[in-house]
PDB file of all heavy atoms in Angstrom:
ATOM      1  N   SER A   1      68.576  65.353   0.605  1.00  0.00           N
ATOM      2  CA  SER A   1      68.609  65.664   2.035  1.00  0.00           C
ATOM      3  C   SER A   1      69.043  64.479   2.858  1.00  0.00           C
ATOM      4  O   SER A   1      68.669  63.365   2.594  1.00  0.00           O
ATOM      5  CB  SER A   1      67.184  66.083   2.514  1.00  0.00           C
ATOM      6  OG  SER A   1      67.167  66.207   3.906  1.00  0.00           O
ATOM      7  N   ASN A   2      69.849  64.689   3.886  1.00  0.00           N
ATOM      8  CA  ASN A   2      70.249  63.638   4.819  1.00  0.00           C
ATOM      9  C   ASN A   2      69.609  63.865   6.167  1.00  0.00           C
ATOM     10  O   ASN A   2      70.026  63.334   7.167  1.00  0.00           O
ATOM     11  CB  ASN A   2      71.777  63.666   5.019  1.00  0.00           C
ATOM     12  CG  ASN A   2      72.471  63.091   3.783  1.00  0.00           C
ATOM     13  OD1 ASN A   2      71.911  62.267   3.058  1.00  0.00           O
ATOM     14  ND2 ASN A   2      73.694  63.544   3.514  1.00  0.00           N
ATOM     15  N   GLN A   3      68.498  64.616   6.209  1.00  0.00           N
ATOM     16  CA  GLN A   3      67.824  64.869   7.477  1.00  0.00           C
ATOM     17  C   GLN A   3      67.126  63.604   7.931  1.00  0.00           C
ATOM     18  O   GLN A   3      66.392  62.989   7.180  1.00  0.00           O
ATOM     19  CB  GLN A   3      66.806  66.003   7.318  1.00  0.00           C
ATOM     20  CG  GLN A   3      67.445  67.338   7.021  1.00  0.00           C
ATOM     21  CD  GLN A   3      68.369  67.774   8.078  1.00  0.00           C
ATOM     22  OE1 GLN A   3      68.089  67.710   9.245  1.00  0.00           O
ATOM     23  NE2 GLN A   3      69.566  68.207   7.682  1.00  0.00           N
ATOM     24  N   PRO A   4      67.340  63.165   9.208  1.00  0.00           N
ATOM     25  CA  PRO A   4      66.677  61.993   9.749  1.00  0.00           C
ATOM     26  C   PRO A   4      65.205  62.252   9.970  1.00  0.00           C
ATOM     27  O   PRO A   4      64.825  63.355  10.234  1.00  0.00           O
ATOM     28  CB  PRO A   4      67.419  61.666  11.025  1.00  0.00           C
ATOM     29  CG  PRO A   4      67.968  63.005  11.466  1.00  0.00           C
ATOM     30  CD  PRO A   4      68.245  63.733  10.190  1.00  0.00           C
ATOM     31  N   ALA A   5      64.446  61.149   9.958  1.00  0.00           N
ATOM     32  CA  ALA A   5      63.017  61.262  10.324  1.00  0.00           C
ATOM     33  C   ALA A   5      62.957  61.307  11.828  1.00  0.00           C
ATOM     34  O   ALA A   5      63.755  60.652  12.520  1.00  0.00           O
ATOM     35  CB  ALA A   5      62.285  60.064   9.800  1.00  0.00           C
ATOM     36  N   HIS A   6      62.058  62.008  12.411  1.00  0.00           N
ATOM     37  CA  HIS A   6      61.930  62.132  13.837  1.00  0.00           C
ATOM     38  C   HIS A   6      60.652  61.429  14.330  1.00  0.00           C
ATOM     39  O   HIS A   6      59.600  61.666  13.753  1.00  0.00           O
ATOM     40  CB  HIS A   6      61.883  63.588  14.265  1.00  0.00           C
ATOM     41  CG  HIS A   6      63.186  64.317  13.955  1.00  0.00           C
ATOM     42  ND1 HIS A   6      64.335  64.069  14.663  1.00  0.00           N
ATOM     43  CD2 HIS A   6      63.520  65.140  12.975  1.00  0.00           C
ATOM     44  CE1 HIS A   6      65.319  64.797  14.156  1.00  0.00           C
ATOM     45  NE2 HIS A   6      64.850  65.456  13.137  1.00  0.00           N
ATOM     46  N   ALA A   7      60.781  60.576  15.292  1.00  0.00           N
ATOM     47  CA  ALA A   7      59.630  59.928  15.834  1.00  0.00           C
ATOM     48  C   ALA A   7      58.866  60.909  16.694  1.00  0.00           C
ATOM     49  O   ALA A   7      59.406  61.893  17.182  1.00  0.00           O
ATOM     50  CB  ALA A   7      60.089  58.736  16.688  1.00  0.00           C
ATOM     51  N   THR A   8      57.587  60.589  16.941  1.00  0.00           N
ATOM     52  CA  THR A   8      56.735  61.544  17.628  1.00  0.00           C
ATOM     53  C   THR A   8      56.493  61.187  19.076  1.00  0.00           C
ATOM     54  O   THR A   8      55.936  61.951  19.816  1.00  0.00           O
ATOM     55  CB  THR A   8      55.409  61.678  16.917  1.00  0.00           C
ATOM     56  OG1 THR A   8      54.796  60.387  16.862  1.00  0.00           O
ATOM     57  CG2 THR A   8      55.554  62.260  15.538  1.00  0.00           C
ATOM     58  N   ARG A   9      56.833  59.972  19.512  1.00  0.00           N
ATOM     59  CA  ARG A   9      56.521  59.551  20.862  1.00  0.00           C
ATOM     60  C   ARG A   9      57.694  59.014  21.588  1.00  0.00           C
ATOM     61  O   ARG A   9      57.850  57.762  21.695  1.00  0.00           O
ATOM     62  CB  ARG A   9      55.435  58.489  20.830  1.00  0.00           C
ATOM     63  CG  ARG A   9      54.097  58.974  20.405  1.00  0.00           C
ATOM     64  CD  ARG A   9      53.122  57.902  20.640  1.00  0.00           C
ATOM     65  NE  ARG A   9      51.831  58.295  20.115  1.00  0.00           N
ATOM     66  CZ  ARG A   9      50.729  57.599  20.299  1.00  0.00           C
ATOM     67  NH1 ARG A   9      50.742  56.504  20.954  1.00  0.00           N
ATOM     68  NH2 ARG A   9      49.602  58.018  19.773  1.00  0.00           N
ATOM     69  N   PRO A  10      58.619  59.803  22.131  1.00  0.00           N
ATOM     70  CA  PRO A  10      59.712  59.258  22.893  1.00  0.00           C
ATOM     71  C   PRO A  10      59.181  58.437  24.101  1.00  0.00           C
ATOM     72  O   PRO A  10      58.215  58.841  24.715  1.00  0.00           O
ATOM     73  CB  PRO A  10      60.514  60.497  23.366  1.00  0.00           C
ATOM     74  CG  PRO A  10      60.128  61.586  22.391  1.00  0.00           C
ATOM     75  CD  PRO A  10      58.687  61.245  22.010  1.00  0.00           C
ATOM     76  N   ALA A  11      59.824  57.361  24.382  1.00  0.00           N
ATOM     77  CA  ALA A  11      59.492  56.573  25.569  1.00  0.00           C
ATOM     78  C   ALA A  11      60.646  56.608  26.540  1.00  0.00           C
ATOM     79  O   ALA A  11      61.765  57.020  26.271  1.00  0.00           O
ATOM     80  CB  ALA A  11      59.221  55.148  25.104  1.00  0.00           C
ATOM     81  N   ALA A  12      60.361  56.104  27.729  1.00  0.00           N
ATOM     82  CA  ALA A  12      61.439  55.998  28.793  1.00  0.00           C
ATOM     83  C   ALA A  12      62.531  55.097  28.273  1.00  0.00           C
ATOM     84  O   ALA A  12      62.315  54.132  27.526  1.00  0.00           O
ATOM     85  CB  ALA A  12      60.791  55.462  30.032  1.00  0.00           C
ATOM     86  N   ALA A  13      63.743  55.353  28.753  1.00  0.00           N
ATOM     87  CA  ALA A  13      64.888  54.523  28.344  1.00  0.00           C
ATOM     88  C   ALA A  13      64.678  53.088  28.845  1.00  0.00           C
ATOM     89  O   ALA A  13      64.031  52.896  29.899  1.00  0.00           O
ATOM     90  CB  ALA A  13      66.181  55.122  28.879  1.00  0.00           C
ATOM     91  N   VAL A  14      65.252  52.110  28.136  1.00  0.00           N
ATOM     92  CA  VAL A  14      65.127  50.742  28.553  1.00  0.00           C
ATOM     93  C   VAL A  14      66.526  50.196  28.783  1.00  0.00           C
ATOM     94  O   VAL A  14      67.530  50.803  28.433  1.00  0.00           O
ATOM     95  CB  VAL A  14      64.397  49.902  27.501  1.00  0.00           C
ATOM     96  CG1 VAL A  14      62.957  50.357  27.392  1.00  0.00           C
ATOM     97  CG2 VAL A  14      65.085  49.933  26.176  1.00  0.00           C
ATOM     98  N   ALA A  15      66.565  48.991  29.346  1.00  0.00           N
ATOM     99  CA  ALA A  15      67.852  48.319  29.580  1.00  0.00           C
ATOM    100  C   ALA A  15      68.593  48.105  28.256  1.00  0.00           C
ATOM    101  O   ALA A  15      67.980  48.092  27.178  1.00  0.00           O
ATOM    102  CB  ALA A  15      67.631  47.001  30.271  1.00  0.00           C
ATOM    103  N   SER A  16      69.864  47.916  28.308  1.00  0.00           N
ATOM    104  CA  SER A  16      70.635  47.683  27.129  1.00  0.00           C
ATOM    105  C   SER A  16      70.090  46.536  26.296  1.00  0.00           C
ATOM    106  O   SER A  16      69.815  45.486  26.810  1.00  0.00           O
ATOM    107  CB  SER A  16      72.092  47.327  27.573  1.00  0.00           C
ATOM    108  OG  SER A  16      72.799  46.748  26.472  1.00  0.00           O
ATOM    109  N   PRO A  17      69.858  46.758  24.996  1.00  0.00           N
ATOM    110  CA  PRO A  17      69.315  45.725  24.157  1.00  0.00           C
ATOM    111  C   PRO A  17      70.095  44.431  24.169  1.00  0.00           C
ATOM    112  O   PRO A  17      69.502  43.367  24.209  1.00  0.00           O
ATOM    113  CB  PRO A  17      69.311  46.330  22.777  1.00  0.00           C
ATOM    114  CG  PRO A  17      69.398  47.825  22.935  1.00  0.00           C
ATOM    115  CD  PRO A  17      70.120  47.993  24.281  1.00  0.00           C
ATOM    116  N   ALA A  18      71.372  44.498  24.193  1.00  0.00           N
ATOM    117  CA  ALA A  18      72.222  43.333  24.193  1.00  0.00           C
ATOM    118  C   ALA A  18      72.021  42.462  25.441  1.00  0.00           C
ATOM    119  O   ALA A  18      72.052  41.252  25.390  1.00  0.00           O
ATOM    120  CB  ALA A  18      73.694  43.714  24.096  1.00  0.00           C
ATOM    121  N   ALA A  19      71.671  43.088  26.554  1.00  0.00           N
ATOM    122  CA  ALA A  19      71.466  42.402  27.795  1.00  0.00           C
ATOM    123  C   ALA A  19      70.123  41.650  27.815  1.00  0.00           C
ATOM    124  O   ALA A  19      69.954  40.693  28.506  1.00  0.00           O
ATOM    125  CB  ALA A  19      71.525  43.339  28.959  1.00  0.00           C
ATOM    126  N   THR A  20      69.153  42.052  26.986  1.00  0.00           N
ATOM    127  CA  THR A  20      67.833  41.489  27.036  1.00  0.00           C
ATOM    128  C   THR A  20      67.509  40.581  25.862  1.00  0.00           C
ATOM    129  O   THR A  20      66.545  39.870  25.900  1.00  0.00           O
ATOM    130  CB  THR A  20      66.740  42.606  27.124  1.00  0.00           C
ATOM    131  OG1 THR A  20      66.859  43.402  25.968  1.00  0.00           O
ATOM    132  CG2 THR A  20      66.905  43.435  28.357  1.00  0.00           C
ATOM    133  N   VAL A  21      68.298  40.609  24.843  1.00  0.00           N
ATOM    134  CA  VAL A  21      67.961  39.909  23.601  1.00  0.00           C
ATOM    135  C   VAL A  21      68.263  38.414  23.679  1.00  0.00           C
ATOM    136  O   VAL A  21      67.526  37.602  23.165  1.00  0.00           O
ATOM    137  CB  VAL A  21      68.698  40.538  22.400  1.00  0.00           C
ATOM    138  CG1 VAL A  21      68.565  39.664  21.154  1.00  0.00           C
ATOM    139  CG2 VAL A  21      68.152  41.942  22.165  1.00  0.00           C
ATOM    140  N   SER A  22      69.330  37.982  24.397  1.00  0.00           N
ATOM    141  CA  SER A  22      69.849  36.645  24.257  1.00  0.00           C
ATOM    142  C   SER A  22      68.836  35.540  24.596  1.00  0.00           C
ATOM    143  O   SER A  22      68.895  34.468  24.023  1.00  0.00           O
ATOM    144  CB  SER A  22      71.108  36.493  25.122  1.00  0.00           C
ATOM    145  OG  SER A  22      70.760  36.732  26.491  1.00  0.00           O
ATOM    146  N   THR A  23      67.938  35.760  25.494  1.00  0.00           N
ATOM    147  CA  THR A  23      66.980  34.695  25.886  1.00  0.00           C
ATOM    148  C   THR A  23      65.586  34.903  25.371  1.00  0.00           C
ATOM    149  O   THR A  23      64.660  34.178  25.708  1.00  0.00           O
ATOM    150  CB  THR A  23      66.933  34.580  27.426  1.00  0.00           C
ATOM    151  OG1 THR A  23      66.470  35.845  27.951  1.00  0.00           O
ATOM    152  CG2 THR A  23      68.262  34.229  28.040  1.00  0.00           C
ATOM    153  N   ARG A  24      65.428  35.870  24.502  1.00  0.00           N
ATOM    154  CA  ARG A  24      64.103  36.184  23.972  1.00  0.00           C
ATOM    155  C   ARG A  24      63.934  35.635  22.568  1.00  0.00           C
ATOM    156  O   ARG A  24      64.871  35.441  21.846  1.00  0.00           O
ATOM    157  CB  ARG A  24      63.978  37.704  23.916  1.00  0.00           C
ATOM    158  CG  ARG A  24      63.971  38.318  25.321  1.00  0.00           C
ATOM    159  CD  ARG A  24      64.032  39.815  25.297  1.00  0.00           C
ATOM    160  NE  ARG A  24      62.770  40.362  24.830  1.00  0.00           N
ATOM    161  CZ  ARG A  24      62.471  41.636  24.768  1.00  0.00           C
ATOM    162  NH1 ARG A  24      63.396  42.525  25.145  1.00  0.00           N
ATOM    163  NH2 ARG A  24      61.313  42.057  24.392  1.00  0.00           N
ATOM    164  N   PRO A  25      62.670  35.365  22.187  1.00  0.00           N
ATOM    165  CA  PRO A  25      62.446  34.977  20.810  1.00  0.00           C
ATOM    166  C   PRO A  25      62.807  36.105  19.842  1.00  0.00           C
ATOM    167  O   PRO A  25      62.900  37.253  20.257  1.00  0.00           O
ATOM    168  CB  PRO A  25      60.911  34.705  20.752  1.00  0.00           C
ATOM    169  CG  PRO A  25      60.335  35.177  22.029  1.00  0.00           C
ATOM    170  CD  PRO A  25      61.415  35.475  22.963  1.00  0.00           C
ATOM    171  N   THR A  26      63.033  35.754  18.577  1.00  0.00           N
ATOM    172  CA  THR A  26      63.405  36.763  17.606  1.00  0.00           C
ATOM    173  C   THR A  26      62.304  36.871  16.531  1.00  0.00           C
ATOM    174  O   THR A  26      61.389  36.119  16.484  1.00  0.00           O
ATOM    175  CB  THR A  26      64.752  36.423  16.928  1.00  0.00           C
ATOM    176  OG1 THR A  26      64.617  35.182  16.235  1.00  0.00           O
ATOM    177  CG2 THR A  26      65.882  36.369  17.885  1.00  0.00           C
ATOM    178  N   GLU A  27      62.463  37.878  15.687  1.00  0.00           N
ATOM    179  CA  GLU A  27      61.503  38.198  14.669  1.00  0.00           C
ATOM    180  C   GLU A  27      61.719  37.304  13.456  1.00  0.00           C
ATOM    181  O   GLU A  27      62.779  36.716  13.257  1.00  0.00           O
ATOM    182  CB  GLU A  27      61.581  39.689  14.274  1.00  0.00           C
ATOM    183  CG  GLU A  27      62.665  39.979  13.248  1.00  0.00           C
ATOM    184  CD  GLU A  27      64.086  39.978  13.768  1.00  0.00           C
ATOM    185  OE1 GLU A  27      64.390  39.600  14.952  1.00  0.00           O
ATOM    186  OE2 GLU A  27      64.999  40.347  13.013  1.00  0.00           O
ATOM    187  N   THR A  28      60.683  37.229  12.602  1.00  0.00           N
ATOM    188  CA  THR A  28      60.812  36.571  11.293  1.00  0.00           C
ATOM    189  C   THR A  28      60.394  37.548  10.202  1.00  0.00           C
ATOM    190  O   THR A  28      59.513  38.429  10.426  1.00  0.00           O
ATOM    191  CB  THR A  28      59.942  35.286  11.196  1.00  0.00           C
ATOM    192  OG1 THR A  28      58.568  35.645  11.409  1.00  0.00           O
ATOM    193  CG2 THR A  28      60.366  34.241  12.153  1.00  0.00           C
ATOM    194  N   LEU A  29      61.033  37.471   9.065  1.00  0.00           N
ATOM    195  CA  LEU A  29      60.755  38.387   7.980  1.00  0.00           C
ATOM    196  C   LEU A  29      60.203  37.556   6.816  1.00  0.00           C
ATOM    197  O   LEU A  29      60.813  36.565   6.373  1.00  0.00           O
ATOM    198  CB  LEU A  29      62.026  39.107   7.532  1.00  0.00           C
ATOM    199  CG  LEU A  29      61.880  40.108   6.453  1.00  0.00           C
ATOM    200  CD1 LEU A  29      62.794  41.343   6.739  1.00  0.00           C
ATOM    201  CD2 LEU A  29      62.196  39.535   5.084  1.00  0.00           C
ATOM    202  N   LYS A  30      58.986  37.886   6.320  1.00  0.00           N
ATOM    203  CA  LYS A  30      58.368  37.212   5.233  1.00  0.00           C
ATOM    204  C   LYS A  30      58.276  38.183   4.048  1.00  0.00           C
ATOM    205  O   LYS A  30      57.466  39.124   4.052  1.00  0.00           O
ATOM    206  CB  LYS A  30      56.964  36.754   5.589  1.00  0.00           C
ATOM    207  CG  LYS A  30      56.221  36.050   4.450  1.00  0.00           C
ATOM    208  CD  LYS A  30      54.792  35.695   4.884  1.00  0.00           C
ATOM    209  CE  LYS A  30      54.044  35.159   3.692  1.00  0.00           C
ATOM    210  NZ  LYS A  30      52.629  34.990   4.035  1.00  0.00           N
ATOM    211  N   PRO A  31      59.120  38.002   3.021  1.00  0.00           N
ATOM    212  CA  PRO A  31      59.061  38.924   1.843  1.00  0.00           C
ATOM    213  C   PRO A  31      57.706  38.826   1.147  1.00  0.00           C
ATOM    214  O   PRO A  31      57.146  37.748   1.023  1.00  0.00           O
ATOM    215  CB  PRO A  31      60.185  38.391   0.954  1.00  0.00           C
ATOM    216  CG  PRO A  31      61.092  37.582   1.831  1.00  0.00           C
ATOM    217  CD  PRO A  31      60.189  37.019   2.910  1.00  0.00           C
ATOM    218  N   LEU A  32      57.223  39.956   0.695  1.00  0.00           N
ATOM    219  CA  LEU A  32      55.957  40.027  -0.039  1.00  0.00           C
ATOM    220  C   LEU A  32      56.210  40.305  -1.524  1.00  0.00           C
ATOM    221  O   LEU A  32      55.624  39.679  -2.367  1.00  0.00           O
ATOM    222  CB  LEU A  32      55.035  41.101   0.527  1.00  0.00           C
ATOM    223  CG  LEU A  32      54.632  40.943   1.986  1.00  0.00           C
ATOM    224  CD1 LEU A  32      53.894  42.162   2.445  1.00  0.00           C
ATOM    225  CD2 LEU A  32      53.789  39.690   2.137  1.00  0.00           C
ATOM    226  N   LEU A  33      57.075  41.281  -1.799  1.00  0.00           N
ATOM    227  CA  LEU A  33      57.337  41.689  -3.177  1.00  0.00           C
ATOM    228  C   LEU A  33      58.726  42.257  -3.269  1.00  0.00           C
ATOM    229  O   LEU A  33      59.197  42.968  -2.381  1.00  0.00           O
ATOM    230  CB  LEU A  33      56.295  42.800  -3.568  1.00  0.00           C
ATOM    231  CG  LEU A  33      56.541  43.510  -4.927  1.00  0.00           C
ATOM    232  CD1 LEU A  33      56.189  42.563  -6.077  1.00  0.00           C
ATOM    233  CD2 LEU A  33      55.731  44.791  -5.004  1.00  0.00           C
ATOM    234  N   GLN A  34      59.422  41.881  -4.327  1.00  0.00           N
ATOM    235  CA  GLN A  34      60.711  42.465  -4.609  1.00  0.00           C
ATOM    236  C   GLN A  34      60.729  42.850  -6.064  1.00  0.00           C
ATOM    237  O   GLN A  34      60.476  41.999  -6.966  1.00  0.00           O
ATOM    238  CB  GLN A  34      61.837  41.490  -4.285  1.00  0.00           C
ATOM    239  CG  GLN A  34      63.215  42.113  -4.390  1.00  0.00           C
ATOM    240  CD  GLN A  34      64.269  41.225  -3.769  1.00  0.00           C
ATOM    241  OE1 GLN A  34      64.349  40.047  -4.061  1.00  0.00           O
ATOM    242  NE2 GLN A  34      65.101  41.785  -2.910  1.00  0.00           N
ATOM    243  N   GLN A  35      61.027  44.113  -6.346  1.00  0.00           N
ATOM    244  CA  GLN A  35      60.899  44.612  -7.716  1.00  0.00           C
ATOM    245  C   GLN A  35      62.015  45.673  -7.945  1.00  0.00           C
ATOM    246  O   GLN A  35      62.156  46.619  -7.202  1.00  0.00           O
ATOM    247  CB  GLN A  35      59.527  45.277  -7.921  1.00  0.00           C
ATOM    248  CG  GLN A  35      59.324  45.982  -9.205  1.00  0.00           C
ATOM    249  CD  GLN A  35      59.167  45.021 -10.361  1.00  0.00           C
ATOM    250  OE1 GLN A  35      58.388  44.062 -10.265  1.00  0.00           O
ATOM    251  NE2 GLN A  35      59.866  45.267 -11.459  1.00  0.00           N
ATOM    252  N   ALA A  36      62.755  45.504  -9.044  1.00  0.00           N
ATOM    253  CA  ALA A  36      63.735  46.530  -9.409  1.00  0.00           C
ATOM    254  C   ALA A  36      62.886  47.788  -9.766  1.00  0.00           C
ATOM    255  O   ALA A  36      61.831  47.722 -10.365  1.00  0.00           O
ATOM    256  CB  ALA A  36      64.531  46.088 -10.629  1.00  0.00           C
ATOM    257  N   LEU A  37      63.400  48.940  -9.362  1.00  0.00           N
ATOM    258  CA  LEU A  37      62.732  50.192  -9.690  1.00  0.00           C
ATOM    259  C   LEU A  37      63.099  50.609 -11.096  1.00  0.00           C
ATOM    260  O   LEU A  37      64.270  50.851 -11.416  1.00  0.00           O
ATOM    261  CB  LEU A  37      63.113  51.269  -8.696  1.00  0.00           C
ATOM    262  CG  LEU A  37      62.635  51.119  -7.245  1.00  0.00           C
ATOM    263  CD1 LEU A  37      63.201  52.202  -6.363  1.00  0.00           C
ATOM    264  CD2 LEU A  37      61.115  51.124  -7.243  1.00  0.00           C
ATOM    265  N   PRO A  38      62.108  50.655 -11.977  1.00  0.00           N
ATOM    266  CA  PRO A  38      62.413  50.872 -13.421  1.00  0.00           C
ATOM    267  C   PRO A  38      62.974  52.326 -13.667  1.00  0.00           C
ATOM    268  O   PRO A  38      63.686  52.492 -14.639  1.00  0.00           O
ATOM    269  CB  PRO A  38      61.110  50.711 -14.100  1.00  0.00           C
ATOM    270  CG  PRO A  38      60.031  50.916 -13.063  1.00  0.00           C
ATOM    271  CD  PRO A  38      60.698  50.460 -11.757  1.00  0.00           C
ATOM    272  N   ASN A  39      62.677  53.278 -12.836  1.00  0.00           N
ATOM    273  CA  ASN A  39      63.116  54.636 -13.064  1.00  0.00           C
ATOM    274  C   ASN A  39      64.262  55.056 -12.130  1.00  0.00           C
ATOM    275  O   ASN A  39      64.631  56.208 -12.159  1.00  0.00           O
ATOM    276  CB  ASN A  39      61.917  55.612 -12.896  1.00  0.00           C
ATOM    277  CG  ASN A  39      61.336  55.528 -11.500  1.00  0.00           C
ATOM    278  OD1 ASN A  39      61.555  54.563 -10.787  1.00  0.00           O
ATOM    279  ND2 ASN A  39      60.579  56.539 -11.115  1.00  0.00           N
ATOM    280  N   VAL A  40      64.811  54.107 -11.373  1.00  0.00           N
ATOM    281  CA  VAL A  40      65.954  54.416 -10.503  1.00  0.00           C
ATOM    282  C   VAL A  40      66.945  53.280 -10.648  1.00  0.00           C
ATOM    283  O   VAL A  40      66.882  52.234  -9.990  1.00  0.00           O
ATOM    284  CB  VAL A  40      65.542  54.579  -9.002  1.00  0.00           C
ATOM    285  CG1 VAL A  40      66.734  55.050  -8.199  1.00  0.00           C
ATOM    286  CG2 VAL A  40      64.352  55.536  -8.873  1.00  0.00           C
ATOM    287  N   LYS A  41      67.890  53.441 -11.551  1.00  0.00           N
ATOM    288  CA  LYS A  41      68.854  52.394 -11.887  1.00  0.00           C
ATOM    289  C   LYS A  41      69.604  51.948 -10.661  1.00  0.00           C
ATOM    290  O   LYS A  41      70.104  52.756  -9.869  1.00  0.00           O
ATOM    291  CB  LYS A  41      69.826  52.896 -12.942  1.00  0.00           C
ATOM    292  CG  LYS A  41      70.766  51.874 -13.434  1.00  0.00           C
ATOM    293  CD  LYS A  41      71.673  52.353 -14.532  1.00  0.00           C
ATOM    294  CE  LYS A  41      72.617  51.201 -14.909  1.00  0.00           C
ATOM    295  NZ  LYS A  41      73.412  51.489 -16.074  1.00  0.00           N
ATOM    296  N   GLY A  42      69.709  50.638 -10.470  1.00  0.00           N
ATOM    297  CA  GLY A  42      70.502  50.058  -9.379  1.00  0.00           C
ATOM    298  C   GLY A  42      69.754  49.957  -8.062  1.00  0.00           C
ATOM    299  O   GLY A  42      70.336  49.550  -7.048  1.00  0.00           O
ATOM    300  N   LYS A  43      68.463  50.348  -8.020  1.00  0.00           N
ATOM    301  CA  LYS A  43      67.695  50.302  -6.796  1.00  0.00           C
ATOM    302  C   LYS A  43      66.530  49.264  -6.889  1.00  0.00           C
ATOM    303  O   LYS A  43      65.961  49.067  -7.944  1.00  0.00           O
ATOM    304  CB  LYS A  43      67.071  51.663  -6.478  1.00  0.00           C
ATOM    305  CG  LYS A  43      68.105  52.734  -6.217  1.00  0.00           C
ATOM    306  CD  LYS A  43      68.798  52.511  -4.881  1.00  0.00           C
ATOM    307  CE  LYS A  43      69.782  53.656  -4.621  1.00  0.00           C
ATOM    308  NZ  LYS A  43      70.523  53.478  -3.389  1.00  0.00           N
TER     309      LYS A  43
END
């Protein structure tokens, strides 16, 4: 299936993300676990 997941709480529209991102702090990603899936080749 290619059906997208639907969120349950739409919010009001916000300003263009590109216009607000440049002067704001950004996120950091800390990996916890990375494991090849033994029953799904290549994943």
